[in-house]
């Protein structure tokens, strides 16, 4: 039998394992996509990074949880004690299961993406999405300074997750405003 290596670049952060659920080793998870990825019946595995190793976990069943959450039951996790080990960890799903429902802004990991302006060069590190639903703002940290870049409009040119880079074209006044 031929073993196929997992290409981590084909997987996206899909959410967080929030806590244990029930007495049978269930895991309550959030998701970072605009729709529930577990609605896709072909999704059979999640992956968890454990000490630098990308480990697959087969989904044996799942059910809706409270709010915008899902309860997962994974093969080889049978008790709340076993499940507790995974609480707070990020899980990943192959990108093909997230097509059309993945929003990279939802899954923004603080400090992981560099923000670079086409005219001014490096702006800082993307830390969060703030503001309001009507006026979302990209919060960028540069040393002890915070720079807010509106996501409405044409300021963001490109988001390249593979290169961990957000390219922007902002007026100089945004750099000195805050």
N, C-alpha and C. Protein backbone atom coordinates (compact mmCIF):
# COMPACT_ATOMS: atom_id res chain seq x y z
N UNK A 1 0.84 -1.18 0.00
CA UNK A 1 0.00 0.00 0.00
C UNK A 1 0.88 1.24 0.00
N UNK A 2 0.60 2.17 -0.88
CA UNK A 2 1.39 3.39 -1.00
C UNK A 2 0.87 4.44 -0.01
N UNK A 3 1.77 5.01 0.78
CA UNK A 3 1.41 6.06 1.73
C UNK A 3 1.62 7.41 1.07
N UNK A 4 0.64 8.27 1.16
CA UNK A 4 0.74 9.59 0.57
C UNK A 4 1.04 10.60 1.67
N UNK A 5 2.06 11.43 1.44
CA UNK A 5 2.41 12.46 2.41
C UNK A 5 1.37 13.58 2.36
N UNK A 6 1.11 14.14 3.51
CA UNK A 6 0.17 15.25 3.61
C UNK A 6 0.91 16.54 3.30
N UNK A 7 0.40 17.32 2.38
CA UNK A 7 0.97 18.62 2.06
C UNK A 7 0.25 19.66 2.92
N UNK A 8 0.91 20.14 3.96
CA UNK A 8 0.29 21.07 4.90
C UNK A 8 -0.21 22.34 4.23
N UNK A 9 0.38 22.72 3.10
CA UNK A 9 -0.05 23.93 2.40
C UNK A 9 -1.45 23.80 1.83
N UNK A 10 -1.97 22.58 1.73
CA UNK A 10 -3.31 22.36 1.20
C UNK A 10 -4.38 22.40 2.29
N UNK A 11 -3.97 22.65 3.52
CA UNK A 11 -4.90 22.67 4.65
C UNK A 11 -5.02 24.08 5.20
N UNK A 12 -6.21 24.39 5.69
CA UNK A 12 -6.49 25.71 6.26
C UNK A 12 -6.92 25.56 7.70
N UNK A 13 -6.55 26.54 8.50
CA UNK A 13 -7.07 26.60 9.86
C UNK A 13 -8.58 26.70 9.72
N UNK A 14 -9.29 25.78 10.32
CA UNK A 14 -10.74 25.73 10.15
C UNK A 14 -11.48 26.16 11.40
N UNK A 15 -10.81 26.16 12.54
CA UNK A 15 -11.47 26.55 13.78
C UNK A 15 -10.66 26.12 14.98
N UNK A 16 -11.34 26.14 16.13
CA UNK A 16 -10.69 25.81 17.40
C UNK A 16 -11.54 24.78 18.13
N UNK A 17 -10.86 23.84 18.78
CA UNK A 17 -11.54 22.90 19.67
C UNK A 17 -11.74 23.64 20.98
N UNK A 18 -12.99 23.92 21.31
CA UNK A 18 -13.30 24.78 22.45
C UNK A 18 -13.22 24.05 23.79
N UNK A 19 -13.85 22.86 23.83
CA UNK A 19 -13.89 22.12 25.09
C UNK A 19 -14.46 20.73 24.83
N UNK A 20 -14.46 19.92 25.89
CA UNK A 20 -15.09 18.61 25.78
C UNK A 20 -16.61 18.78 25.79
N UNK A 21 -17.30 17.75 25.33
CA UNK A 21 -18.76 17.80 25.31
C UNK A 21 -19.30 16.41 25.61
N UNK A 22 -20.04 16.28 26.69
CA UNK A 22 -20.67 15.01 27.03
C UNK A 22 -19.72 14.01 27.65
N UNK A 23 -20.21 12.79 27.79
CA UNK A 23 -19.47 11.73 28.48
C UNK A 23 -18.82 10.73 27.53
N UNK A 24 -18.93 10.98 26.22
CA UNK A 24 -18.42 10.01 25.25
C UNK A 24 -17.23 10.55 24.45
N UNK A 25 -16.54 11.55 24.99
CA UNK A 25 -15.36 12.07 24.31
C UNK A 25 -15.65 13.04 23.19
N UNK A 26 -16.82 13.65 23.20
CA UNK A 26 -17.16 14.64 22.18
C UNK A 26 -16.33 15.91 22.35
N UNK A 27 -16.13 16.61 21.24
CA UNK A 27 -15.39 17.87 21.24
C UNK A 27 -16.27 18.96 20.64
N UNK A 28 -16.47 20.03 21.38
CA UNK A 28 -17.21 21.18 20.87
C UNK A 28 -16.22 22.06 20.12
N UNK A 29 -16.51 22.32 18.83
CA UNK A 29 -15.59 23.09 18.00
C UNK A 29 -16.30 24.31 17.40
N UNK A 30 -15.51 25.35 17.18
CA UNK A 30 -15.98 26.51 16.42
C UNK A 30 -15.50 26.31 14.98
N UNK A 31 -16.01 27.11 14.07
CA UNK A 31 -15.48 27.08 12.71
C UNK A 31 -15.29 28.51 12.23
N UNK A 32 -14.26 28.67 11.38
CA UNK A 32 -13.87 29.99 10.90
C UNK A 32 -14.39 30.30 9.51
N UNK A 33 -15.26 29.48 8.98
CA UNK A 33 -15.80 29.70 7.64
C UNK A 33 -17.17 30.35 7.76
N UNK A 34 -17.69 30.81 6.63
CA UNK A 34 -18.99 31.48 6.65
C UNK A 34 -20.14 30.50 6.78
N UNK A 35 -19.88 29.22 6.52
CA UNK A 35 -20.87 28.16 6.71
C UNK A 35 -20.22 26.99 7.42
N UNK A 36 -21.02 26.10 7.96
CA UNK A 36 -20.52 24.95 8.70
C UNK A 36 -19.85 23.95 7.74
N UNK A 37 -18.53 23.75 7.83
CA UNK A 37 -17.87 22.81 6.92
C UNK A 37 -18.29 21.36 7.15
N UNK A 38 -18.84 21.05 8.32
CA UNK A 38 -19.22 19.68 8.63
C UNK A 38 -20.54 19.29 7.98
N UNK A 39 -21.19 20.25 7.31
CA UNK A 39 -22.37 19.94 6.50
C UNK A 39 -21.98 19.15 5.24
N UNK A 40 -20.70 19.20 4.87
CA UNK A 40 -20.20 18.46 3.71
C UNK A 40 -20.00 17.00 4.13
N UNK A 41 -20.82 16.11 3.60
CA UNK A 41 -20.79 14.70 3.99
C UNK A 41 -19.50 14.00 3.59
N UNK A 42 -18.73 14.57 2.68
CA UNK A 42 -17.47 13.95 2.25
C UNK A 42 -16.32 14.24 3.22
N UNK A 43 -16.49 15.20 4.10
CA UNK A 43 -15.44 15.55 5.06
C UNK A 43 -15.32 14.43 6.09
N UNK A 44 -14.18 13.75 6.09
CA UNK A 44 -13.98 12.58 6.96
C UNK A 44 -12.91 12.77 8.02
N UNK A 45 -12.01 13.76 7.81
CA UNK A 45 -10.88 13.94 8.71
C UNK A 45 -10.68 15.41 9.08
N UNK A 46 -10.22 15.64 10.30
CA UNK A 46 -9.63 16.91 10.67
C UNK A 46 -8.18 16.61 11.01
N UNK A 47 -7.35 17.64 10.99
CA UNK A 47 -5.94 17.49 11.34
C UNK A 47 -5.62 18.43 12.49
N UNK A 48 -4.78 17.96 13.39
CA UNK A 48 -4.35 18.76 14.54
C UNK A 48 -2.83 18.72 14.58
N UNK A 49 -2.22 19.89 14.78
CA UNK A 49 -0.77 19.97 14.91
C UNK A 49 -0.42 19.65 16.36
N UNK A 50 0.25 18.52 16.55
CA UNK A 50 0.69 18.09 17.88
C UNK A 50 2.21 18.06 17.90
N UNK A 51 2.79 19.03 18.56
CA UNK A 51 4.26 19.10 18.68
C UNK A 51 4.95 19.05 17.33
N UNK A 52 4.41 19.80 16.36
CA UNK A 52 5.01 19.88 15.04
C UNK A 52 4.64 18.75 14.10
N UNK A 53 3.87 17.79 14.57
CA UNK A 53 3.41 16.69 13.71
C UNK A 53 1.95 16.93 13.36
N UNK A 54 1.62 16.81 12.10
CA UNK A 54 0.28 17.05 11.59
C UNK A 54 -0.48 15.73 11.64
N UNK A 55 -1.36 15.56 12.63
CA UNK A 55 -1.99 14.27 12.90
C UNK A 55 -3.44 14.26 12.41
N UNK A 56 -3.82 13.25 11.58
CA UNK A 56 -5.22 13.14 11.13
C UNK A 56 -6.08 12.46 12.19
N UNK A 57 -7.32 12.93 12.30
CA UNK A 57 -8.31 12.31 13.18
C UNK A 57 -9.56 12.06 12.36
N UNK A 58 -10.00 10.81 12.32
CA UNK A 58 -11.19 10.45 11.56
C UNK A 58 -12.44 10.86 12.34
N UNK A 59 -13.35 11.53 11.64
CA UNK A 59 -14.62 11.93 12.23
C UNK A 59 -15.56 10.73 12.17
N UNK A 60 -15.98 10.21 13.32
CA UNK A 60 -16.90 9.08 13.32
C UNK A 60 -18.35 9.56 13.26
N UNK A 61 -18.61 10.71 13.88
CA UNK A 61 -19.94 11.33 13.77
C UNK A 61 -19.83 12.77 14.25
N UNK A 62 -20.88 13.51 13.99
CA UNK A 62 -20.94 14.90 14.46
C UNK A 62 -22.40 15.30 14.58
N UNK A 63 -22.62 16.35 15.35
CA UNK A 63 -23.98 16.86 15.54
C UNK A 63 -23.90 18.35 15.83
N UNK A 64 -24.98 19.08 15.55
CA UNK A 64 -24.96 20.51 15.86
C UNK A 64 -24.77 20.74 17.35
N UNK A 65 -23.96 21.73 17.66
CA UNK A 65 -23.75 22.13 19.05
C UNK A 65 -24.49 23.43 19.31
N UNK A 66 -24.29 24.00 20.48
CA UNK A 66 -24.94 25.27 20.79
C UNK A 66 -24.36 26.41 19.95
N UNK A 67 -25.22 27.31 19.51
CA UNK A 67 -24.76 28.44 18.70
C UNK A 67 -24.19 27.99 17.38
N UNK A 68 -23.21 28.72 16.90
CA UNK A 68 -22.54 28.40 15.63
C UNK A 68 -21.38 27.45 15.90
N UNK A 69 -21.69 26.28 16.44
CA UNK A 69 -20.67 25.31 16.81
C UNK A 69 -21.12 23.91 16.43
N UNK A 70 -20.18 22.99 16.45
CA UNK A 70 -20.45 21.60 16.11
C UNK A 70 -19.81 20.71 17.17
N UNK A 71 -20.44 19.57 17.45
CA UNK A 71 -19.85 18.58 18.34
C UNK A 71 -19.30 17.46 17.46
N UNK A 72 -17.98 17.21 17.58
CA UNK A 72 -17.33 16.16 16.80
C UNK A 72 -17.03 14.97 17.69
N UNK A 73 -17.18 13.79 17.12
CA UNK A 73 -16.75 12.56 17.76
C UNK A 73 -15.68 11.97 16.85
N UNK A 74 -14.50 11.77 17.40
CA UNK A 74 -13.35 11.33 16.62
C UNK A 74 -12.94 9.92 17.03
N UNK A 75 -12.51 9.16 16.03
CA UNK A 75 -12.03 7.82 16.30
C UNK A 75 -10.89 7.88 17.32
N UNK A 76 -10.85 6.95 18.23
CA UNK A 76 -9.80 6.83 19.25
C UNK A 76 -9.91 7.84 20.38
N UNK A 77 -10.93 8.68 20.38
CA UNK A 77 -11.16 9.56 21.53
C UNK A 77 -12.52 9.17 22.10
N UNK A 78 -12.50 8.47 23.24
CA UNK A 78 -13.72 7.85 23.78
C UNK A 78 -14.19 8.45 25.10
N UNK A 79 -13.33 9.19 25.78
CA UNK A 79 -13.69 9.68 27.12
C UNK A 79 -13.46 11.19 27.21
N UNK A 80 -14.13 11.84 28.16
CA UNK A 80 -13.88 13.27 28.37
C UNK A 80 -12.42 13.55 28.72
N UNK A 81 -11.78 12.63 29.42
CA UNK A 81 -10.38 12.82 29.80
C UNK A 81 -9.48 12.82 28.56
N UNK A 82 -9.73 11.90 27.63
CA UNK A 82 -8.96 11.88 26.38
C UNK A 82 -9.24 13.14 25.57
N UNK A 83 -10.49 13.55 25.52
CA UNK A 83 -10.89 14.73 24.75
C UNK A 83 -10.28 16.01 25.32
N UNK A 84 -10.14 16.08 26.64
CA UNK A 84 -9.64 17.30 27.29
C UNK A 84 -8.25 17.68 26.79
N UNK A 85 -7.45 16.70 26.40
CA UNK A 85 -6.10 16.97 25.90
C UNK A 85 -6.13 17.90 24.68
N UNK A 86 -7.20 17.86 23.90
CA UNK A 86 -7.28 18.62 22.65
C UNK A 86 -7.96 19.98 22.81
N UNK A 87 -8.52 20.26 23.96
CA UNK A 87 -9.20 21.55 24.18
C UNK A 87 -8.24 22.71 23.96
N UNK A 88 -8.73 23.71 23.24
CA UNK A 88 -7.94 24.90 22.98
C UNK A 88 -7.04 24.80 21.76
N UNK A 89 -7.00 23.66 21.12
CA UNK A 89 -6.13 23.49 19.96
C UNK A 89 -6.85 23.88 18.67
N UNK A 90 -6.06 24.35 17.73
CA UNK A 90 -6.55 24.68 16.39
C UNK A 90 -6.67 23.38 15.60
N UNK A 91 -7.70 23.29 14.76
CA UNK A 91 -7.79 22.15 13.85
C UNK A 91 -7.80 22.65 12.41
N UNK A 92 -7.43 21.77 11.50
CA UNK A 92 -7.28 22.11 10.09
C UNK A 92 -8.11 21.16 9.24
N UNK A 93 -8.55 21.68 8.08
CA UNK A 93 -9.32 20.90 7.12
C UNK A 93 -8.72 21.15 5.74
N UNK A 94 -8.76 20.12 4.89
CA UNK A 94 -8.27 20.27 3.52
C UNK A 94 -9.05 21.38 2.83
N UNK A 95 -8.34 22.20 2.07
CA UNK A 95 -8.95 23.37 1.44
C UNK A 95 -10.11 23.03 0.51
N UNK A 96 -10.13 21.82 -0.07
CA UNK A 96 -11.22 21.49 -1.00
C UNK A 96 -12.57 21.46 -0.29
N UNK A 97 -12.58 21.20 1.02
CA UNK A 97 -13.84 21.18 1.78
C UNK A 97 -14.27 22.57 2.22
N UNK A 98 -13.41 23.55 1.99
CA UNK A 98 -13.73 24.92 2.40
C UNK A 98 -14.00 25.83 1.21
N UNK A 99 -13.95 25.28 -0.01
CA UNK A 99 -14.19 26.09 -1.20
C UNK A 99 -15.56 26.74 -1.13
N UNK A 100 -15.57 28.04 -1.36
CA UNK A 100 -16.83 28.78 -1.37
C UNK A 100 -17.34 29.18 0.00
N UNK A 101 -16.77 28.61 1.07
CA UNK A 101 -17.24 28.98 2.41
C UNK A 101 -16.11 29.51 3.28
N UNK A 102 -14.87 29.46 2.78
CA UNK A 102 -13.72 29.89 3.57
C UNK A 102 -13.53 31.39 3.44
N UNK A 103 -13.37 32.06 4.55
CA UNK A 103 -13.10 33.50 4.56
C UNK A 103 -11.80 33.70 5.32
N UNK A 104 -10.70 34.02 4.62
CA UNK A 104 -9.42 34.14 5.30
C UNK A 104 -9.40 35.22 6.38
N UNK A 105 -10.29 36.20 6.27
CA UNK A 105 -10.33 37.26 7.29
C UNK A 105 -10.87 36.72 8.61
N UNK A 106 -11.79 35.75 8.54
CA UNK A 106 -12.34 35.18 9.77
C UNK A 106 -11.27 34.44 10.55
N UNK A 107 -10.41 33.74 9.82
CA UNK A 107 -9.42 32.89 10.49
C UNK A 107 -8.07 33.57 10.70
N UNK A 108 -8.05 34.89 10.65
CA UNK A 108 -6.80 35.63 10.83
C UNK A 108 -6.16 35.29 12.17
N UNK A 109 -4.94 34.79 12.11
CA UNK A 109 -4.20 34.47 13.33
C UNK A 109 -3.31 35.65 13.67
N UNK A 110 -3.46 36.21 14.87
CA UNK A 110 -2.70 37.41 15.26
C UNK A 110 -1.20 37.24 15.09
N UNK A 111 -0.60 38.23 14.43
CA UNK A 111 0.85 38.26 14.28
C UNK A 111 1.43 37.33 13.24
N UNK A 112 0.59 36.63 12.47
CA UNK A 112 1.09 35.65 11.50
C UNK A 112 1.25 36.25 10.09
N UNK A 113 0.53 37.32 9.79
CA UNK A 113 0.58 37.90 8.45
C UNK A 113 1.25 39.27 8.47
N UNK A 114 2.24 39.44 7.60
CA UNK A 114 2.92 40.72 7.47
C UNK A 114 2.10 41.60 6.53
N UNK A 115 1.97 42.87 6.87
CA UNK A 115 1.25 43.83 6.04
C UNK A 115 2.29 44.74 5.38
N UNK A 116 2.25 44.80 4.04
CA UNK A 116 3.21 45.59 3.28
C UNK A 116 2.44 46.52 2.34
N UNK A 117 2.82 47.80 2.36
CA UNK A 117 2.22 48.78 1.46
C UNK A 117 3.06 48.89 0.19
N UNK A 118 2.39 49.07 -0.95
CA UNK A 118 3.09 49.13 -2.23
C UNK A 118 4.01 50.35 -2.33
N UNK A 119 3.71 51.42 -1.60
CA UNK A 119 4.53 52.64 -1.66
C UNK A 119 5.48 52.76 -0.47
N UNK A 120 5.02 52.38 0.72
CA UNK A 120 5.77 52.66 1.95
C UNK A 120 6.51 51.46 2.52
N UNK A 121 6.30 50.28 1.94
CA UNK A 121 6.98 49.09 2.45
C UNK A 121 6.24 48.47 3.61
N UNK A 122 7.01 47.83 4.52
CA UNK A 122 6.40 47.09 5.62
C UNK A 122 5.65 48.02 6.57
N UNK A 123 4.39 47.68 6.82
CA UNK A 123 3.53 48.45 7.72
C UNK A 123 3.53 47.84 9.12
N UNK A 124 3.52 46.51 9.21
CA UNK A 124 3.50 45.83 10.50
C UNK A 124 2.90 44.45 10.37
N UNK A 125 2.39 43.93 11.50
CA UNK A 125 1.78 42.60 11.54
C UNK A 125 0.28 42.72 11.77
N UNK A 126 -0.50 41.98 11.00
CA UNK A 126 -1.95 41.96 11.17
C UNK A 126 -2.28 41.25 12.48
N UNK A 127 -3.05 41.92 13.34
CA UNK A 127 -3.36 41.36 14.66
C UNK A 127 -4.81 40.91 14.80
N UNK A 128 -5.74 41.62 14.15
CA UNK A 128 -7.15 41.29 14.32
C UNK A 128 -7.98 42.06 13.31
N UNK A 129 -9.25 41.67 13.23
CA UNK A 129 -10.24 42.43 12.49
C UNK A 129 -11.13 43.08 13.55
N UNK A 130 -11.21 44.39 13.52
CA UNK A 130 -12.03 45.11 14.50
C UNK A 130 -13.03 45.98 13.78
N UNK A 131 -13.40 47.06 14.41
CA UNK A 131 -14.38 47.96 13.84
C UNK A 131 -15.78 47.43 14.03
N UNK A 132 -16.63 47.69 13.06
CA UNK A 132 -18.02 47.25 13.10
C UNK A 132 -18.31 46.45 11.83
N UNK A 133 -19.43 45.71 11.79
CA UNK A 133 -19.77 45.00 10.54
C UNK A 133 -19.89 45.95 9.34
N UNK A 134 -20.35 47.17 9.60
CA UNK A 134 -20.49 48.14 8.52
C UNK A 134 -19.15 48.75 8.12
N UNK A 135 -18.20 48.78 9.06
CA UNK A 135 -16.89 49.37 8.80
C UNK A 135 -15.79 48.52 9.44
N UNK A 136 -15.51 47.34 8.86
CA UNK A 136 -14.47 46.49 9.44
C UNK A 136 -13.08 47.10 9.23
N UNK A 137 -12.23 46.93 10.25
CA UNK A 137 -10.89 47.50 10.21
C UNK A 137 -9.85 46.41 10.46
N UNK A 138 -8.79 46.42 9.67
CA UNK A 138 -7.66 45.55 9.90
C UNK A 138 -6.76 46.24 10.92
N UNK A 139 -6.55 45.60 12.06
CA UNK A 139 -5.71 46.16 13.11
C UNK A 139 -4.28 45.66 12.90
N UNK A 140 -3.37 46.60 12.67
CA UNK A 140 -1.98 46.28 12.37
C UNK A 140 -1.09 46.83 13.48
N UNK A 141 -0.18 46.01 13.97
CA UNK A 141 0.74 46.43 15.03
C UNK A 141 2.11 46.67 14.43
N UNK A 142 2.67 47.84 14.74
CA UNK A 142 4.02 48.19 14.33
C UNK A 142 4.73 48.73 15.56
N UNK A 143 5.50 47.86 16.21
CA UNK A 143 6.11 48.24 17.49
C UNK A 143 5.01 48.43 18.52
N UNK A 144 4.97 49.61 19.13
CA UNK A 144 3.90 49.89 20.10
C UNK A 144 2.78 50.72 19.48
N UNK A 145 2.82 50.89 18.17
CA UNK A 145 1.82 51.68 17.45
C UNK A 145 0.80 50.77 16.78
N UNK A 146 -0.48 51.17 16.82
CA UNK A 146 -1.54 50.44 16.13
C UNK A 146 -2.01 51.26 14.94
N UNK A 147 -2.10 50.60 13.79
CA UNK A 147 -2.57 51.24 12.56
C UNK A 147 -3.85 50.53 12.15
N UNK A 148 -4.89 51.30 11.85
CA UNK A 148 -6.18 50.75 11.45
C UNK A 148 -6.38 50.98 9.96
N UNK A 149 -6.62 49.90 9.24
CA UNK A 149 -6.82 49.98 7.79
C UNK A 149 -8.23 49.51 7.46
N UNK A 150 -9.07 50.39 6.88
CA UNK A 150 -10.43 49.98 6.52
C UNK A 150 -10.42 48.84 5.50
N UNK A 151 -11.26 47.84 5.74
CA UNK A 151 -11.39 46.74 4.78
C UNK A 151 -12.41 47.08 3.71
N UNK A 152 -13.29 48.04 3.98
CA UNK A 152 -14.20 48.53 2.95
C UNK A 152 -13.40 49.47 2.06
N UNK A 153 -13.58 49.40 0.79
CA UNK A 153 -12.81 50.24 -0.10
C UNK A 153 -11.74 49.44 -0.81
N UNK A 154 -10.78 50.14 -1.36
CA UNK A 154 -9.78 49.50 -2.20
C UNK A 154 -8.39 49.49 -1.58
N UNK A 155 -8.29 49.51 -0.27
CA UNK A 155 -6.98 49.57 0.38
C UNK A 155 -6.24 48.24 0.34
N UNK A 156 -6.96 47.13 0.50
CA UNK A 156 -6.31 45.82 0.48
C UNK A 156 -6.25 45.33 -0.96
N UNK A 157 -5.03 45.10 -1.44
CA UNK A 157 -4.82 44.66 -2.81
C UNK A 157 -4.82 43.14 -2.90
N UNK A 158 -4.15 42.49 -1.94
CA UNK A 158 -4.01 41.04 -2.02
C UNK A 158 -3.78 40.44 -0.63
N UNK A 159 -4.32 39.26 -0.43
CA UNK A 159 -4.06 38.47 0.76
C UNK A 159 -3.49 37.14 0.29
N UNK A 160 -2.21 36.92 0.55
CA UNK A 160 -1.54 35.68 0.15
C UNK A 160 -1.20 34.89 1.40
N UNK A 161 -2.07 33.92 1.72
CA UNK A 161 -1.87 33.13 2.94
C UNK A 161 -0.62 32.28 2.87
N UNK A 162 -0.31 31.76 1.70
CA UNK A 162 0.87 30.89 1.58
C UNK A 162 2.16 31.67 1.88
N UNK A 163 2.21 32.94 1.49
CA UNK A 163 3.38 33.78 1.77
C UNK A 163 3.22 34.55 3.08
N UNK A 164 2.07 34.40 3.74
CA UNK A 164 1.76 35.12 4.99
C UNK A 164 1.92 36.62 4.78
N UNK A 165 1.27 37.14 3.73
CA UNK A 165 1.47 38.52 3.33
C UNK A 165 0.15 39.17 2.91
N UNK A 166 -0.09 40.36 3.44
CA UNK A 166 -1.22 41.19 3.00
C UNK A 166 -0.61 42.42 2.32
N UNK A 167 -0.96 42.63 1.06
CA UNK A 167 -0.46 43.79 0.33
C UNK A 167 -1.55 44.85 0.33
N UNK A 168 -1.17 46.07 0.70
CA UNK A 168 -2.13 47.17 0.78
C UNK A 168 -1.61 48.36 -0.02
N UNK A 169 -2.52 49.26 -0.33
CA UNK A 169 -2.18 50.55 -0.94
C UNK A 169 -2.97 51.59 -0.16
N UNK A 170 -2.31 52.17 0.84
CA UNK A 170 -3.01 53.10 1.74
C UNK A 170 -2.41 54.49 1.63
N UNK A 171 -3.22 55.51 1.90
CA UNK A 171 -2.67 56.86 1.93
C UNK A 171 -1.75 57.03 3.15
N UNK A 172 -0.76 57.88 3.01
CA UNK A 172 0.20 58.12 4.10
C UNK A 172 -0.49 58.57 5.37
N UNK A 173 -1.62 59.26 5.23
CA UNK A 173 -2.34 59.76 6.41
C UNK A 173 -2.80 58.63 7.33
N UNK A 174 -3.08 57.44 6.79
CA UNK A 174 -3.47 56.32 7.65
C UNK A 174 -2.31 55.84 8.51
N UNK A 175 -1.10 56.02 8.02
CA UNK A 175 0.07 55.60 8.79
C UNK A 175 0.33 56.52 9.98
N UNK A 176 -0.07 57.76 9.87
CA UNK A 176 0.20 58.73 10.93
C UNK A 176 -1.03 59.10 11.74
N UNK A 177 -2.19 58.57 11.37
CA UNK A 177 -3.45 58.93 12.01
C UNK A 177 -3.54 58.50 13.46
N UNK A 178 -3.11 57.29 13.77
CA UNK A 178 -3.31 56.75 15.11
C UNK A 178 -2.18 57.11 16.03
